[in-house]
Amino acid sequence: MALFGNAHAIDPAQAQQDYARLLGQGEQVHAAYLLIRDVIFFTDRRLVLVDKQGITGKKVEYHSIPYRSITHFAVETAGTFDLDAELKIWISGQALPVTKTFTKGVDIYEVQAILTQFVAR
């Protein structure tokens, strides 16, 4: 599954409030990114992908990926001519990675550090 576009950081507290119905008791959002109209956020328990569909975006699919299901991940930094950085996440049982594209304004090393913190537990 690949979702494309440019992401930028959003306030984790705002994501906590916006997606409170999806969160388990005591679950905390640590980082969140807006991807055009989709959202990716990291909680202390899982990675959540919010995929808004259709023209209006009223139909929404929520992908919940427990960190234990992530087999490996990679980051590709922005270059001189390629202004976007990419995060690729391989999930157990899937051949193709989940791919997220971030604008140069997002610190991809920070995104990697957040993912490392939770996957390496």
N, C-alpha and C. Protein backbone atom coordinates (compact mmCIF):
# COMPACT_ATOMS: atom_id res chain seq x y z
N MET A 1 0.85 -1.16 0.00
CA MET A 1 0.00 0.00 0.00
C MET A 1 0.90 1.22 0.00
N ALA A 2 0.73 2.13 -0.91
CA ALA A 2 1.51 3.34 -0.97
C ALA A 2 0.57 4.54 -1.02
N LEU A 3 0.85 5.47 -0.17
CA LEU A 3 0.06 6.70 -0.15
C LEU A 3 1.02 7.83 -0.46
N PHE A 4 0.70 8.64 -1.45
CA PHE A 4 1.65 9.63 -1.92
C PHE A 4 1.18 11.04 -1.64
N GLY A 5 2.11 11.98 -1.58
CA GLY A 5 1.82 13.37 -1.32
C GLY A 5 2.91 13.94 -0.44
N ASN A 6 2.75 15.18 -0.06
CA ASN A 6 3.74 15.83 0.78
C ASN A 6 3.18 16.04 2.17
N ALA A 7 3.97 15.70 3.17
CA ALA A 7 3.52 15.78 4.55
C ALA A 7 4.20 16.93 5.28
N HIS A 8 3.54 17.39 6.32
CA HIS A 8 4.17 18.32 7.26
C HIS A 8 3.67 18.01 8.65
N ALA A 9 4.46 18.39 9.65
CA ALA A 9 4.14 18.07 11.03
C ALA A 9 2.90 18.83 11.49
N ILE A 10 2.10 18.16 12.33
CA ILE A 10 0.98 18.82 12.99
C ILE A 10 1.13 18.58 14.49
N ASP A 11 0.44 19.36 15.28
CA ASP A 11 0.54 19.30 16.72
C ASP A 11 -0.01 17.96 17.23
N PRO A 12 0.80 17.18 17.96
CA PRO A 12 0.32 15.90 18.48
C PRO A 12 -0.91 16.05 19.38
N ALA A 13 -0.99 17.14 20.13
CA ALA A 13 -2.15 17.37 21.00
C ALA A 13 -3.42 17.54 20.17
N GLN A 14 -3.30 18.19 19.00
CA GLN A 14 -4.45 18.36 18.12
C GLN A 14 -4.87 17.00 17.54
N ALA A 15 -3.89 16.19 17.14
CA ALA A 15 -4.20 14.85 16.63
C ALA A 15 -4.83 14.00 17.73
N GLN A 16 -4.34 14.15 18.96
CA GLN A 16 -4.91 13.43 20.11
C GLN A 16 -6.39 13.76 20.24
N GLN A 17 -6.71 15.02 20.10
CA GLN A 17 -8.10 15.48 20.23
C GLN A 17 -8.93 15.05 19.01
N ASP A 18 -8.39 15.24 17.80
CA ASP A 18 -9.13 14.93 16.58
C ASP A 18 -9.45 13.44 16.44
N TYR A 19 -8.55 12.58 16.93
CA TYR A 19 -8.72 11.14 16.75
C TYR A 19 -8.92 10.40 18.06
N ALA A 20 -9.45 11.09 19.05
CA ALA A 20 -9.66 10.51 20.38
C ALA A 20 -10.51 9.24 20.32
N ARG A 21 -11.47 9.19 19.41
CA ARG A 21 -12.35 8.00 19.31
C ARG A 21 -11.60 6.76 18.87
N LEU A 22 -10.45 6.94 18.22
CA LEU A 22 -9.66 5.79 17.75
C LEU A 22 -8.69 5.27 18.80
N LEU A 23 -8.43 6.07 19.81
CA LEU A 23 -7.39 5.75 20.77
C LEU A 23 -7.90 4.91 21.93
N GLY A 24 -7.04 3.99 22.36
CA GLY A 24 -7.37 3.18 23.53
C GLY A 24 -7.17 4.00 24.80
N GLN A 25 -7.67 3.46 25.90
CA GLN A 25 -7.54 4.15 27.18
C GLN A 25 -6.07 4.38 27.51
N GLY A 26 -5.71 5.62 27.74
CA GLY A 26 -4.34 5.99 28.09
C GLY A 26 -3.38 6.08 26.92
N GLU A 27 -3.83 5.77 25.71
CA GLU A 27 -2.96 5.83 24.54
C GLU A 27 -2.65 7.29 24.20
N GLN A 28 -1.39 7.58 23.92
CA GLN A 28 -0.95 8.95 23.68
C GLN A 28 -0.33 9.11 22.29
N VAL A 29 -0.69 10.19 21.61
CA VAL A 29 -0.09 10.53 20.32
C VAL A 29 1.22 11.25 20.59
N HIS A 30 2.31 10.77 19.98
CA HIS A 30 3.63 11.37 20.18
C HIS A 30 4.06 12.26 19.02
N ALA A 31 3.57 11.97 17.82
CA ALA A 31 3.91 12.77 16.64
C ALA A 31 2.83 12.54 15.59
N ALA A 32 2.59 13.57 14.77
CA ALA A 32 1.56 13.46 13.74
C ALA A 32 1.96 14.29 12.53
N TYR A 33 1.55 13.83 11.35
CA TYR A 33 1.89 14.50 10.09
C TYR A 33 0.66 14.52 9.19
N LEU A 34 0.44 15.65 8.56
CA LEU A 34 -0.64 15.80 7.60
C LEU A 34 -0.08 15.55 6.21
N LEU A 35 -0.76 14.69 5.46
CA LEU A 35 -0.33 14.31 4.12
C LEU A 35 -1.45 14.72 3.16
N ILE A 36 -1.39 15.94 2.67
CA ILE A 36 -2.44 16.58 1.89
C ILE A 36 -3.72 16.54 2.71
N ARG A 37 -4.51 15.48 2.63
CA ARG A 37 -5.69 15.38 3.50
C ARG A 37 -5.67 14.12 4.35
N ASP A 38 -4.71 13.25 4.11
CA ASP A 38 -4.53 12.07 4.94
C ASP A 38 -3.64 12.43 6.13
N VAL A 39 -3.62 11.57 7.14
CA VAL A 39 -2.83 11.81 8.34
C VAL A 39 -2.11 10.53 8.72
N ILE A 40 -0.90 10.67 9.22
CA ILE A 40 -0.16 9.56 9.83
C ILE A 40 0.20 10.03 11.24
N PHE A 41 -0.07 9.16 12.23
CA PHE A 41 0.38 9.54 13.57
C PHE A 41 0.91 8.34 14.33
N PHE A 42 1.86 8.65 15.21
CA PHE A 42 2.56 7.66 16.01
C PHE A 42 2.06 7.77 17.45
N THR A 43 1.53 6.67 17.97
CA THR A 43 1.14 6.65 19.38
C THR A 43 2.17 5.81 20.13
N ASP A 44 1.98 5.70 21.41
CA ASP A 44 2.88 4.87 22.20
C ASP A 44 2.62 3.38 21.96
N ARG A 45 1.55 3.03 21.20
CA ARG A 45 1.21 1.63 20.96
C ARG A 45 1.24 1.19 19.51
N ARG A 46 1.03 2.15 18.58
CA ARG A 46 0.89 1.76 17.17
C ARG A 46 1.08 2.97 16.25
N LEU A 47 1.16 2.65 14.98
CA LEU A 47 1.19 3.65 13.91
C LEU A 47 -0.20 3.65 13.29
N VAL A 48 -0.79 4.83 13.12
CA VAL A 48 -2.13 4.93 12.55
C VAL A 48 -2.07 5.75 11.27
N LEU A 49 -2.65 5.19 10.19
CA LEU A 49 -2.74 5.87 8.91
C LEU A 49 -4.21 6.19 8.68
N VAL A 50 -4.51 7.45 8.45
CA VAL A 50 -5.88 7.90 8.21
C VAL A 50 -5.96 8.23 6.72
N ASP A 51 -6.73 7.44 5.98
CA ASP A 51 -6.83 7.54 4.53
C ASP A 51 -8.21 8.07 4.15
N LYS A 52 -8.28 9.36 3.85
CA LYS A 52 -9.55 9.96 3.43
C LYS A 52 -9.76 9.66 1.96
N GLN A 53 -10.96 9.18 1.62
CA GLN A 53 -11.24 8.71 0.27
C GLN A 53 -12.34 9.51 -0.39
N GLY A 54 -12.37 9.45 -1.71
CA GLY A 54 -13.42 10.12 -2.47
C GLY A 54 -13.17 11.61 -2.59
N ILE A 55 -14.03 12.27 -3.34
CA ILE A 55 -13.89 13.70 -3.59
C ILE A 55 -14.08 14.51 -2.32
N THR A 56 -15.07 14.14 -1.52
CA THR A 56 -15.38 14.91 -0.32
C THR A 56 -14.52 14.51 0.88
N GLY A 57 -13.94 13.32 0.85
CA GLY A 57 -13.14 12.85 1.97
C GLY A 57 -13.98 12.41 3.16
N LYS A 58 -15.29 12.24 2.95
CA LYS A 58 -16.15 11.80 4.06
C LYS A 58 -15.96 10.33 4.39
N LYS A 59 -15.61 9.55 3.37
CA LYS A 59 -15.32 8.14 3.61
C LYS A 59 -13.86 8.05 4.05
N VAL A 60 -13.65 7.43 5.20
CA VAL A 60 -12.31 7.39 5.78
C VAL A 60 -11.97 5.95 6.16
N GLU A 61 -10.75 5.54 5.81
CA GLU A 61 -10.25 4.23 6.21
C GLU A 61 -9.12 4.46 7.20
N TYR A 62 -9.16 3.75 8.32
CA TYR A 62 -8.15 3.87 9.36
C TYR A 62 -7.31 2.59 9.38
N HIS A 63 -6.02 2.73 9.18
CA HIS A 63 -5.10 1.59 9.22
C HIS A 63 -4.35 1.66 10.54
N SER A 64 -4.44 0.63 11.32
CA SER A 64 -3.74 0.56 12.59
C SER A 64 -2.65 -0.49 12.48
N ILE A 65 -1.42 -0.07 12.64
CA ILE A 65 -0.29 -0.98 12.48
C ILE A 65 0.45 -1.09 13.82
N PRO A 66 0.30 -2.22 14.52
CA PRO A 66 1.06 -2.39 15.75
C PRO A 66 2.56 -2.37 15.42
N TYR A 67 3.34 -1.74 16.26
CA TYR A 67 4.78 -1.63 15.99
C TYR A 67 5.44 -3.00 15.85
N ARG A 68 4.92 -4.01 16.55
CA ARG A 68 5.52 -5.35 16.46
C ARG A 68 5.37 -5.97 15.07
N SER A 69 4.43 -5.42 14.25
CA SER A 69 4.22 -5.92 12.89
C SER A 69 5.19 -5.33 11.88
N ILE A 70 5.92 -4.32 12.27
CA ILE A 70 6.87 -3.67 11.36
C ILE A 70 8.16 -4.48 11.35
N THR A 71 8.49 -5.01 10.16
CA THR A 71 9.69 -5.84 10.07
C THR A 71 10.95 -5.02 9.85
N HIS A 72 10.84 -3.96 9.07
CA HIS A 72 11.94 -3.01 8.91
C HIS A 72 11.42 -1.75 8.23
N PHE A 73 12.27 -0.73 8.23
CA PHE A 73 11.88 0.53 7.60
C PHE A 73 13.11 1.23 7.07
N ALA A 74 12.89 2.18 6.17
CA ALA A 74 13.99 2.91 5.56
C ALA A 74 13.57 4.36 5.35
N VAL A 75 14.55 5.25 5.39
CA VAL A 75 14.29 6.65 5.04
C VAL A 75 15.20 7.02 3.89
N GLU A 76 14.69 7.88 3.04
CA GLU A 76 15.47 8.43 1.93
C GLU A 76 15.40 9.93 2.09
N THR A 77 16.55 10.56 2.27
CA THR A 77 16.58 11.99 2.52
C THR A 77 16.33 12.78 1.24
N ALA A 78 15.95 14.02 1.42
CA ALA A 78 15.74 14.92 0.28
C ALA A 78 17.09 15.24 -0.34
N GLY A 79 17.10 15.38 -1.66
CA GLY A 79 18.33 15.71 -2.36
C GLY A 79 18.29 17.14 -2.88
N THR A 80 19.24 17.48 -3.72
CA THR A 80 19.31 18.82 -4.28
C THR A 80 18.14 19.10 -5.21
N PHE A 81 17.83 18.16 -6.08
CA PHE A 81 16.75 18.37 -7.04
C PHE A 81 15.45 17.70 -6.60
N ASP A 82 15.57 16.64 -5.82
CA ASP A 82 14.40 15.96 -5.27
C ASP A 82 14.16 16.55 -3.88
N LEU A 83 13.16 17.38 -3.75
CA LEU A 83 12.95 18.12 -2.51
C LEU A 83 12.20 17.34 -1.44
N ASP A 84 11.80 16.13 -1.74
CA ASP A 84 11.02 15.34 -0.81
C ASP A 84 11.84 14.21 -0.21
N ALA A 85 11.51 13.85 1.02
CA ALA A 85 12.10 12.70 1.69
C ALA A 85 11.03 11.62 1.79
N GLU A 86 11.45 10.37 1.86
CA GLU A 86 10.50 9.26 1.93
C GLU A 86 10.76 8.38 3.13
N LEU A 87 9.68 7.87 3.67
CA LEU A 87 9.72 6.86 4.72
C LEU A 87 9.03 5.63 4.15
N LYS A 88 9.71 4.49 4.21
CA LYS A 88 9.14 3.22 3.75
C LYS A 88 9.09 2.28 4.94
N ILE A 89 7.93 1.65 5.12
CA ILE A 89 7.71 0.75 6.25
C ILE A 89 7.22 -0.59 5.72
N TRP A 90 7.95 -1.66 6.01
CA TRP A 90 7.54 -3.00 5.62
C TRP A 90 6.81 -3.65 6.79
N ILE A 91 5.66 -4.22 6.47
CA ILE A 91 4.81 -4.85 7.47
C ILE A 91 4.81 -6.35 7.23
N SER A 92 4.88 -7.10 8.30
CA SER A 92 4.88 -8.56 8.22
C SER A 92 3.70 -9.05 7.38
N GLY A 93 3.99 -9.90 6.41
CA GLY A 93 2.96 -10.48 5.56
C GLY A 93 2.63 -9.68 4.32
N GLN A 94 3.27 -8.53 4.13
CA GLN A 94 3.04 -7.72 2.93
C GLN A 94 4.36 -7.55 2.17
N ALA A 95 4.31 -7.75 0.88
CA ALA A 95 5.52 -7.66 0.07
C ALA A 95 5.96 -6.22 -0.17
N LEU A 96 4.99 -5.33 -0.36
CA LEU A 96 5.30 -3.94 -0.68
C LEU A 96 5.24 -3.07 0.58
N PRO A 97 6.13 -2.09 0.68
CA PRO A 97 6.12 -1.23 1.87
C PRO A 97 5.03 -0.17 1.79
N VAL A 98 4.66 0.33 2.95
CA VAL A 98 3.86 1.54 3.06
C VAL A 98 4.85 2.68 2.81
N THR A 99 4.54 3.59 1.90
CA THR A 99 5.45 4.68 1.58
C THR A 99 4.79 6.01 1.88
N LYS A 100 5.51 6.85 2.60
CA LYS A 100 5.06 8.20 2.92
C LYS A 100 6.11 9.19 2.42
N THR A 101 5.65 10.25 1.78
CA THR A 101 6.54 11.27 1.25
C THR A 101 6.39 12.53 2.08
N PHE A 102 7.52 13.07 2.53
CA PHE A 102 7.54 14.25 3.38
C PHE A 102 8.23 15.41 2.66
N THR A 103 7.75 16.62 2.90
CA THR A 103 8.39 17.80 2.34
C THR A 103 9.75 18.01 2.99
N LYS A 104 10.56 18.81 2.35
CA LYS A 104 11.89 19.09 2.88
C LYS A 104 11.82 19.77 4.25
N GLY A 105 10.71 20.42 4.56
CA GLY A 105 10.55 21.08 5.84
C GLY A 105 10.40 20.14 7.02
N VAL A 106 10.11 18.86 6.76
CA VAL A 106 9.98 17.87 7.83
C VAL A 106 11.34 17.22 8.05
N ASP A 107 11.74 17.11 9.30
CA ASP A 107 13.01 16.45 9.64
C ASP A 107 12.79 14.94 9.58
N ILE A 108 13.20 14.33 8.48
CA ILE A 108 12.99 12.89 8.28
C ILE A 108 13.77 12.08 9.32
N TYR A 109 14.86 12.64 9.82
CA TYR A 109 15.62 11.95 10.87
C TYR A 109 14.80 11.90 12.17
N GLU A 110 14.01 12.92 12.42
CA GLU A 110 13.13 12.92 13.58
C GLU A 110 12.05 11.85 13.43
N VAL A 111 11.49 11.75 12.23
CA VAL A 111 10.48 10.73 11.95
C VAL A 111 11.09 9.34 12.17
N GLN A 112 12.29 9.13 11.67
CA GLN A 112 12.96 7.85 11.84
C GLN A 112 13.22 7.58 13.32
N ALA A 113 13.63 8.58 14.06
CA ALA A 113 13.91 8.40 15.49
C ALA A 113 12.65 8.01 16.26
N ILE A 114 11.53 8.62 15.92
CA ILE A 114 10.26 8.28 16.56
C ILE A 114 9.91 6.82 16.28
N LEU A 115 10.02 6.43 15.02
CA LEU A 115 9.71 5.05 14.66
C LEU A 115 10.67 4.07 15.33
N THR A 116 11.94 4.40 15.36
CA THR A 116 12.94 3.56 16.02
C THR A 116 12.61 3.37 17.48
N GLN A 117 12.21 4.45 18.14
CA GLN A 117 11.88 4.40 19.57
C GLN A 117 10.82 3.35 19.86
N PHE A 118 9.82 3.25 18.99
CA PHE A 118 8.71 2.34 19.24
C PHE A 118 8.95 0.94 18.68
N VAL A 119 9.58 0.82 17.53
CA VAL A 119 9.81 -0.49 16.91
C VAL A 119 10.86 -1.29 17.67
N ALA A 120 11.86 -0.62 18.21
CA ALA A 120 12.97 -1.29 18.88
C ALA A 120 12.67 -1.71 20.30
N ARG A 121 11.46 -1.56 20.76
CA ARG A 121 11.11 -1.96 22.14
C ARG A 121 11.24 -3.44 22.34
